[in-house]
Amino acid sequence: MTQHDSTEHREMLSNSVTDFARGVDLARVRKLRESRTECDRAVWKQMADLGWLGVLAPEQYGGMGLKLADMAIVAQGLARALVPEPLTAVAVLATRVLADSTNESLKAKLLEALISGDLLPATAWQEEAGTLDVHKINMQATPFEGGFRVNGSKRFVVGASHADGYIVSANSAAGMQLLWIPQDAAGAATQFDALADGRLSGTLNLSNVSVAKENIINSGAAAAGSLARAIDHTAVVASAELCGIMGRSLEITLEYLKTRVQFGKPIGSFQALQHRAVDLYIQQELSGAVLADCLAVLDNEPDDKTRSAAASRAKARCTDAALLITRQSIQMHGAIGFTEDCDVGLYVKRAMTLAAWLGNGNAHRRRYAKTEILEGAN
């Protein structure tokens, strides 16, 4: 694909997302929050029909086989409208893991169903808060009649409320195993906790769950490497979501500054508020520049250290900027900004949720510093 073709197709992709987001009513977001339902399967199917679930999936399975930068365009555009469906968790995290599978028949079956919107897989890899290490696993997979029996719990599972099945990491005598476990498997149970934005985080509990060898996605070092790569890619696309959130929140705030009149003039004419708005705009632009640079790095398939450093750089920068801009947006709205009816409140809550997912700013700064120290030692 030439640079001209790449620019043209990304513009078309951006336009399609903008058109879709324009039809999203924030009243729907509020309604889904109140009902503790974060996903409308009819809307999910529309996303599939538009090709967004298959942006990163290989073409032989019905996907587009595009770059991470293309997926970021979709994620950022939908985040501006606070679309609650777990696109990034499925179309990036789960898709990347499945695309690396050595089990060709399972890979084809799951990826084709994912791309068509008929299957919503959730990835259950994390067991404790604050960790970015895929090897910190207590869940055990014990060999049993060619497959495994799995016991343990996974936390912070995004998309669990509507998941048709789970991609689960577990330890075995042969190393890490990535396993496919249907939602209705005997011995599997899921509990839910409400997040700040009203969406749900799942805790998956497995008790003697039998997994046939046909449902082994990947094993050993290949499984660990695949999961780590998928998490880094997902963190960068989540950073694109944060950019969409901070951008739209700032737009809403600037419009308010132009229309809110105090002492006979728009409050946007007050120098103190102008300076604050400029500072926030600078943070938004810096975040966008860092994100673009990190996407370019990851799309060139770097080594593990370079990839992890780029992912942490993007997530830390975009997390801090999104939290700052959305919180300042509430303050610049004055008293109305703290009410439930004010839209900027929805943006700060989504920013809080995304900021915590896959490592907050502090966690990624620590990892980035550690990566740089190790690189310098070599």
Protein backbone atom coordinates (compact mmCIF):
# COMPACT_ATOMS: atom_id res chain seq x y z
CA MET A 1 0.00 0.00 0.00
CA THR A 2 1.45 3.41 -0.99
CA GLN A 3 1.53 6.36 1.39
CA HIS A 4 -1.22 8.01 -0.68
CA ASP A 5 -3.39 4.91 -0.45
CA SER A 6 -2.73 4.68 3.29
CA THR A 7 -3.72 8.31 3.85
CA GLU A 8 -6.84 7.91 1.73
CA HIS A 9 -8.11 4.76 3.42
CA ARG A 10 -7.45 6.22 6.88
CA GLU A 11 -9.45 9.30 5.95
CA MET A 12 -12.31 7.08 4.82
CA LEU A 13 -12.04 5.06 8.03
CA SER A 14 -12.09 8.22 10.14
CA ASN A 15 -15.13 9.54 8.26
CA SER A 16 -17.06 6.31 8.78
CA VAL A 17 -16.35 6.40 12.52
CA THR A 18 -17.34 10.07 12.71
CA ASP A 19 -20.64 9.34 10.94
CA PHE A 20 -21.34 6.45 13.29
CA ALA A 21 -20.46 8.45 16.41
CA ARG A 22 -22.65 11.33 15.27
CA GLY A 23 -25.65 9.05 15.66
CA VAL A 24 -24.73 8.03 19.21
CA ASP A 25 -26.85 9.70 21.84
CA LEU A 26 -25.28 10.20 25.27
CA ALA A 27 -28.72 9.38 26.66
CA ARG A 28 -28.02 5.82 25.50
CA VAL A 29 -24.76 5.84 27.45
CA ARG A 30 -26.61 6.98 30.57
CA LYS A 31 -29.32 4.37 30.06
CA LEU A 32 -26.78 1.55 29.74
CA ARG A 33 -25.07 2.77 32.92
CA GLU A 34 -28.32 2.71 34.85
CA SER A 35 -29.18 -0.77 33.62
CA ARG A 36 -25.66 -2.13 34.31
CA THR A 37 -25.53 -3.15 30.66
CA GLU A 38 -22.43 -2.00 28.84
CA CYS A 39 -22.99 -3.63 25.47
CA ASP A 40 -25.82 -3.64 22.98
CA ARG A 41 -25.35 -6.67 20.74
CA ALA A 42 -27.25 -4.97 17.92
CA VAL A 43 -24.75 -2.09 17.99
CA TRP A 44 -21.93 -4.62 18.26
CA LYS A 45 -23.18 -6.27 15.09
CA GLN A 46 -23.21 -2.89 13.33
CA MET A 47 -19.56 -2.43 14.26
CA ALA A 48 -18.82 -5.85 12.83
CA ASP A 49 -20.65 -5.02 9.59
CA LEU A 50 -18.53 -1.87 9.28
CA GLY A 51 -15.43 -4.06 9.54
CA TRP A 52 -14.09 -2.55 12.77
CA LEU A 53 -13.85 -5.84 14.68
CA GLY A 54 -11.54 -7.18 11.98
CA VAL A 55 -9.22 -4.21 11.46
CA LEU A 56 -6.23 -6.09 12.92
CA ALA A 57 -7.31 -9.64 12.05
CA PRO A 58 -5.49 -11.45 9.21
CA GLU A 59 -7.22 -11.29 5.84
CA GLN A 60 -7.45 -15.08 5.45
CA TYR A 61 -9.95 -15.14 8.33
CA GLY A 62 -12.07 -12.31 6.97
CA GLY A 63 -10.21 -9.43 8.60
CA MET A 64 -8.59 -6.36 7.08
CA GLY A 65 -5.01 -7.02 8.18
CA LEU A 66 -4.39 -3.31 8.78
CA LYS A 67 -2.05 -1.49 11.16
CA LEU A 68 -2.39 -0.52 14.80
CA ALA A 69 -2.63 3.11 13.68
CA ASP A 70 -5.81 2.23 11.78
CA MET A 71 -7.32 0.61 14.84
CA ALA A 72 -6.43 3.70 16.86
CA ILE A 73 -8.49 5.85 14.48
CA VAL A 74 -11.58 3.74 15.19
CA ALA A 75 -11.00 3.62 18.95
CA GLN A 76 -10.35 7.35 19.25
CA GLY A 77 -13.43 8.26 17.22
CA LEU A 78 -15.75 6.01 19.21
CA ALA A 79 -14.28 7.21 22.52
CA ARG A 80 -15.28 10.77 21.65
CA ALA A 81 -18.90 9.59 21.75
CA LEU A 82 -18.29 7.40 24.85
CA VAL A 83 -19.46 4.28 22.99
CA PRO A 84 -19.44 1.70 25.82
CA GLU A 85 -18.98 -1.49 23.80
CA PRO A 86 -15.62 -3.21 24.59
CA LEU A 87 -14.09 -2.70 21.14
CA THR A 88 -10.46 -2.39 22.21
CA ALA A 89 -10.61 -5.36 24.58
CA VAL A 90 -11.95 -7.57 21.78
CA ALA A 91 -10.63 -6.17 18.48
CA VAL A 92 -7.11 -5.65 19.84
CA LEU A 93 -6.41 -7.73 22.96
CA ALA A 94 -8.36 -10.87 22.09
CA THR A 95 -7.67 -10.59 18.36
CA ARG A 96 -3.90 -10.29 18.80
CA VAL A 97 -3.80 -13.33 21.08
CA LEU A 98 -5.93 -15.43 18.73
CA ALA A 99 -4.00 -14.35 15.64
CA ASP A 100 -0.79 -15.75 17.21
CA SER A 101 -2.41 -19.10 18.02
CA THR A 102 -0.67 -22.27 16.88
CA ASN A 103 -4.03 -24.10 16.89
CA GLU A 104 -5.14 -23.39 13.34
CA SER A 105 -8.63 -24.88 13.52
CA LEU A 106 -9.48 -23.09 16.76
CA LYS A 107 -7.94 -19.87 15.47
CA ALA A 108 -10.03 -19.92 12.31
CA LYS A 109 -13.25 -20.73 14.17
CA LEU A 110 -12.86 -18.06 16.84
CA LEU A 111 -11.47 -15.29 14.64
CA GLU A 112 -14.14 -15.68 11.96
CA ALA A 113 -16.89 -15.57 14.59
CA LEU A 114 -15.26 -12.58 16.31
CA ILE A 115 -14.97 -10.60 13.07
CA SER A 116 -18.59 -11.29 12.13
CA GLY A 117 -19.78 -10.07 15.54
CA ASP A 118 -21.24 -13.46 16.47
CA LEU A 119 -18.63 -14.09 19.18
CA LEU A 120 -17.52 -11.71 21.93
CA PRO A 121 -14.41 -13.12 23.65
CA ALA A 122 -13.00 -11.62 26.85
CA THR A 123 -9.35 -11.99 27.83
CA ALA A 124 -8.78 -13.04 31.46
CA TRP A 125 -5.09 -12.64 32.28
CA GLN A 126 -4.77 -10.41 35.36
CA GLU A 127 -5.02 -11.66 38.93
CA GLU A 128 -3.83 -8.75 41.02
CA ALA A 129 -4.04 -4.98 40.77
CA GLY A 130 -1.14 -2.98 39.42
CA THR A 131 0.76 -5.74 37.65
CA LEU A 132 1.86 -5.59 34.02
CA ASP A 133 3.75 -8.89 34.22
CA VAL A 134 2.00 -11.67 32.30
CA HIS A 135 3.97 -14.26 34.28
CA LYS A 136 2.34 -13.37 37.62
CA ILE A 137 -0.13 -16.25 37.50
CA ASN A 138 -1.55 -18.38 40.30
CA MET A 139 -4.20 -20.06 38.15
CA GLN A 140 -3.18 -23.66 37.58
CA ALA A 141 -3.75 -25.91 34.58
CA THR A 142 -3.28 -29.58 35.52
CA PRO A 143 -2.88 -32.12 32.68
CA PHE A 144 -5.95 -34.32 32.29
CA GLU A 145 -6.78 -36.75 29.44
CA GLY A 146 -4.96 -34.75 26.76
CA GLY A 147 -6.20 -31.42 28.01
CA PHE A 148 -6.21 -29.54 31.30
CA ARG A 149 -8.24 -29.03 34.43
CA VAL A 150 -8.09 -25.39 35.45
CA ASN A 151 -8.47 -23.83 38.89
CA GLY A 152 -8.14 -20.23 40.04
CA SER A 153 -9.49 -16.73 39.60
CA LYS A 154 -8.95 -13.86 37.19
CA ARG A 155 -9.85 -10.24 37.92
CA PHE A 156 -10.50 -7.05 35.95
CA VAL A 157 -11.90 -8.88 32.91
CA VAL A 158 -13.15 -6.26 30.44
CA GLY A 159 -16.16 -7.28 28.38
CA ALA A 160 -17.06 -10.11 30.75
CA SER A 161 -20.69 -9.02 31.13
CA HIS A 162 -21.49 -10.08 27.55
CA ALA A 163 -18.67 -12.52 26.90
CA ASP A 164 -19.41 -15.73 25.02
CA GLY A 165 -16.15 -17.20 26.28
CA TYR A 166 -12.77 -16.41 27.80
CA ILE A 167 -9.16 -16.47 26.72
CA VAL A 168 -7.48 -17.55 29.95
CA SER A 169 -3.81 -17.69 30.95
CA ALA A 170 -2.76 -20.42 33.38
CA ASN A 171 0.42 -22.08 34.64
CA SER A 172 1.23 -25.70 33.89
CA ALA A 173 4.26 -27.96 34.24
CA ALA A 174 4.98 -27.18 30.58
CA GLY A 175 4.81 -23.41 31.10
CA MET A 176 2.09 -20.89 30.41
CA GLN A 177 -1.06 -22.05 28.67
CA LEU A 178 -3.55 -19.81 26.84
CA LEU A 179 -6.88 -21.60 26.85
CA TRP A 180 -10.31 -21.03 25.36
CA ILE A 181 -13.10 -21.57 27.90
CA PRO A 182 -16.74 -21.10 26.83
CA GLN A 183 -18.85 -18.90 29.08
CA ASP A 184 -21.14 -21.80 30.02
CA ALA A 185 -18.35 -24.27 30.83
CA ALA A 186 -19.04 -26.41 33.90
CA GLY A 187 -17.22 -24.97 36.91
CA ALA A 188 -16.93 -21.44 35.50
CA ALA A 189 -18.63 -18.55 37.29
CA THR A 190 -18.35 -14.79 36.86
CA GLN A 191 -18.96 -11.98 39.34
CA PHE A 192 -19.24 -8.31 38.40
CA ASP A 193 -18.22 -5.00 39.96
CA ALA A 194 -19.37 -1.61 38.67
CA LEU A 195 -16.64 0.73 37.45
CA ALA A 196 -16.62 4.53 37.74
CA ASP A 197 -18.24 4.96 34.32
CA GLY A 198 -20.99 2.43 34.99
CA ARG A 199 -19.45 -0.37 32.95
CA LEU A 200 -18.62 -3.69 34.60
CA SER A 201 -15.42 -5.43 35.56
CA GLY A 202 -15.58 -9.22 35.75
CA THR A 203 -13.98 -11.69 38.13
CA LEU A 204 -13.78 -15.14 36.58
CA ASN A 205 -13.68 -18.08 38.99
CA LEU A 206 -12.76 -21.51 37.64
CA SER A 207 -13.17 -24.68 39.65
CA ASN A 208 -12.00 -27.91 38.00
CA VAL A 209 -12.92 -26.60 34.56
CA SER A 210 -12.03 -29.15 31.89
CA VAL A 211 -10.32 -27.80 28.77
CA ALA A 212 -9.87 -30.20 25.87
CA LYS A 213 -6.63 -30.08 23.88
CA GLU A 214 -8.65 -28.72 20.95
CA ASN A 215 -9.19 -25.54 23.00
CA ILE A 216 -5.51 -24.82 23.70
CA ILE A 217 -4.69 -21.53 21.98
CA ASN A 218 -0.95 -21.40 22.66
CA SER A 219 1.64 -22.83 25.04
CA GLY A 220 4.96 -22.05 26.67
CA ALA A 221 7.16 -19.12 25.68
CA ALA A 222 5.04 -18.48 22.59
CA ALA A 223 1.96 -17.99 24.79
CA ALA A 224 3.73 -15.58 27.13
CA GLY A 225 5.22 -13.58 24.26
CA SER A 226 1.90 -13.39 22.45
CA LEU A 227 0.03 -12.18 25.54
CA ALA A 228 2.67 -9.56 26.41
CA ARG A 229 2.61 -8.21 22.84
CA ALA A 230 -1.19 -8.10 22.82
CA ILE A 231 -1.29 -6.19 26.12
CA ASP A 232 1.21 -3.60 24.88
CA HIS A 233 -0.74 -3.09 21.66
CA THR A 234 -3.98 -2.77 23.62
CA ALA A 235 -2.45 -0.22 26.00
CA VAL A 236 -1.53 2.00 23.04
CA VAL A 237 -5.01 1.77 21.50
CA ALA A 238 -6.49 2.52 24.94
CA SER A 239 -4.26 5.61 24.85
CA ALA A 240 -5.98 6.58 21.60
CA GLU A 241 -9.30 6.26 23.42
CA LEU A 242 -7.99 8.59 26.11
CA CYS A 243 -7.02 11.08 23.39
CA GLY A 244 -10.56 10.96 22.03
CA ILE A 245 -12.01 11.52 25.49
CA MET A 246 -9.76 14.45 26.35
CA GLY A 247 -10.33 16.03 22.93
CA ARG A 248 -14.10 15.93 23.12
CA SER A 249 -14.15 17.04 26.77
CA LEU A 250 -12.05 20.09 25.90
CA GLU A 251 -14.28 20.91 22.92
CA ILE A 252 -17.38 20.86 25.12
CA THR A 253 -15.64 23.08 27.65
CA LEU A 254 -14.49 25.64 25.08
CA GLU A 255 -18.03 25.89 23.75
CA TYR A 256 -19.27 26.49 27.28
CA LEU A 257 -16.70 29.24 27.82
CA LYS A 258 -18.01 30.99 24.71
CA THR A 259 -21.67 30.85 25.73
CA ARG A 260 -21.64 31.22 29.54
CA VAL A 261 -22.05 34.91 30.36
CA GLN A 262 -20.95 36.46 33.63
CA PHE A 263 -20.58 40.16 34.48
CA GLY A 264 -22.05 40.95 31.08
CA LYS A 265 -19.49 39.07 28.98
CA PRO A 266 -18.61 35.45 28.01
CA ILE A 267 -16.39 33.87 30.64
CA GLY A 268 -14.09 32.76 27.84
CA SER A 269 -12.96 36.37 27.57
CA PHE A 270 -11.41 36.19 31.05
CA GLN A 271 -7.65 35.89 30.78
CA ALA A 272 -7.27 33.38 33.62
CA LEU A 273 -9.61 30.90 31.91
CA GLN A 274 -7.94 31.50 28.55
CA HIS A 275 -4.57 30.57 30.03
CA ARG A 276 -5.99 27.40 31.58
CA ALA A 277 -7.59 26.43 28.29
CA VAL A 278 -4.31 26.93 26.42
CA ASP A 279 -2.44 24.79 28.96
CA LEU A 280 -4.98 22.00 28.47
CA TYR A 281 -4.75 22.30 24.69
CA ILE A 282 -0.96 21.93 24.90
CA GLN A 283 -1.37 18.73 26.93
CA GLN A 284 -3.79 17.40 24.33
CA GLU A 285 -1.39 18.14 21.47
CA LEU A 286 1.58 16.62 23.29
CA SER A 287 -0.43 13.46 23.94
CA GLY A 288 -1.45 13.19 20.30
CA ALA A 289 2.16 13.57 19.16
CA VAL A 290 3.43 10.94 21.58
CA LEU A 291 0.63 8.56 20.57
CA ALA A 292 1.39 8.96 16.85
CA ASP A 293 5.09 8.30 17.45
CA CYS A 294 4.42 5.19 19.56
CA LEU A 295 1.96 3.81 17.02
CA ALA A 296 4.61 4.16 14.33
CA VAL A 297 7.11 2.32 16.52
CA LEU A 298 4.76 -0.58 17.26
CA ASP A 299 3.61 -0.91 13.66
CA ASN A 300 7.25 -1.59 12.69
CA GLU A 301 7.24 -4.69 14.97
CA PRO A 302 10.20 -3.73 17.23
CA ASP A 303 11.92 -5.95 19.78
CA ASP A 304 10.16 -6.59 23.09
CA LYS A 305 11.96 -3.89 25.10
CA THR A 306 11.36 -1.18 22.52
CA ARG A 307 7.72 -2.18 22.19
CA SER A 308 7.11 -2.15 25.94
CA ALA A 309 8.86 1.21 26.37
CA ALA A 310 6.76 2.76 23.59
CA ALA A 311 3.53 1.38 25.03
CA SER A 312 4.35 2.68 28.51
CA ARG A 313 5.33 6.07 27.15
CA ALA A 314 1.99 6.45 25.37
CA LYS A 315 -0.18 5.14 28.21
CA ALA A 316 1.51 7.27 30.88
CA ARG A 317 1.33 10.47 28.86
CA CYS A 318 -2.26 10.02 27.66
CA THR A 319 -3.51 8.88 31.06
CA ASP A 320 -2.18 11.93 32.87
CA ALA A 321 -3.40 14.34 30.20
CA ALA A 322 -6.89 12.83 30.02
CA LEU A 323 -7.36 12.97 33.79
CA LEU A 324 -6.09 16.54 33.93
CA ILE A 325 -8.22 17.79 31.02
CA THR A 326 -11.46 16.10 32.07
CA ARG A 327 -11.16 17.20 35.70
CA GLN A 328 -10.30 20.74 34.67
CA SER A 329 -13.26 20.66 32.29
CA ILE A 330 -15.59 20.03 35.22
CA GLN A 331 -14.05 22.90 37.18
CA MET A 332 -14.29 25.30 34.24
CA HIS A 333 -17.99 24.53 33.97
CA GLY A 334 -18.41 25.82 37.50
CA ALA A 335 -21.06 24.35 39.78
CA ILE A 336 -23.00 22.82 36.88
CA GLY A 337 -19.96 20.69 36.00
CA PHE A 338 -20.41 18.64 39.15
CA THR A 339 -24.01 17.67 38.36
CA GLU A 340 -25.06 14.32 36.92
CA ASP A 341 -26.74 16.03 33.97
CA CYS A 342 -23.54 17.69 32.74
CA ASP A 343 -21.90 15.69 29.95
CA VAL A 344 -18.31 16.42 30.98
CA GLY A 345 -18.92 14.31 34.08
CA LEU A 346 -19.37 11.28 31.84
CA TYR A 347 -16.00 11.97 30.23
CA VAL A 348 -14.07 12.21 33.48
CA LYS A 349 -15.59 8.92 34.65
CA ARG A 350 -14.61 7.15 31.44
CA ALA A 351 -11.13 8.67 31.67
CA MET A 352 -10.78 7.32 35.21
CA THR A 353 -11.74 3.83 34.08
CA LEU A 354 -9.42 3.78 31.08
CA ALA A 355 -6.59 5.33 33.08
CA ALA A 356 -6.64 2.37 35.48
CA TRP A 357 -6.99 -0.33 32.80
CA LEU A 358 -3.75 -2.08 31.78
CA GLY A 359 -1.70 0.05 34.16
CA ASN A 360 -2.06 3.64 35.32
CA GLY A 361 0.43 6.41 34.67
CA ASN A 362 2.63 5.56 37.67
CA ALA A 363 2.83 1.88 36.73
CA HIS A 364 3.88 2.68 33.19
CA ARG A 365 6.45 5.27 34.26
CA ARG A 366 8.01 2.66 36.52
CA ARG A 367 8.09 0.13 33.70
CA TYR A 368 9.48 2.68 31.26
CA ALA A 369 12.24 3.66 33.68
CA LYS A 370 13.10 0.01 34.30
CA THR A 371 13.24 -0.66 30.56
CA GLU A 372 15.52 2.32 29.99
CA ILE A 373 17.82 1.25 32.83
CA LEU A 374 18.09 -2.26 31.44
CA GLU A 375 18.72 -0.87 27.96
CA GLY A 376 21.47 1.40 29.29
CA ALA A 377 23.10 -1.51 31.13
CA ASN A 378 23.40 -3.39 27.86
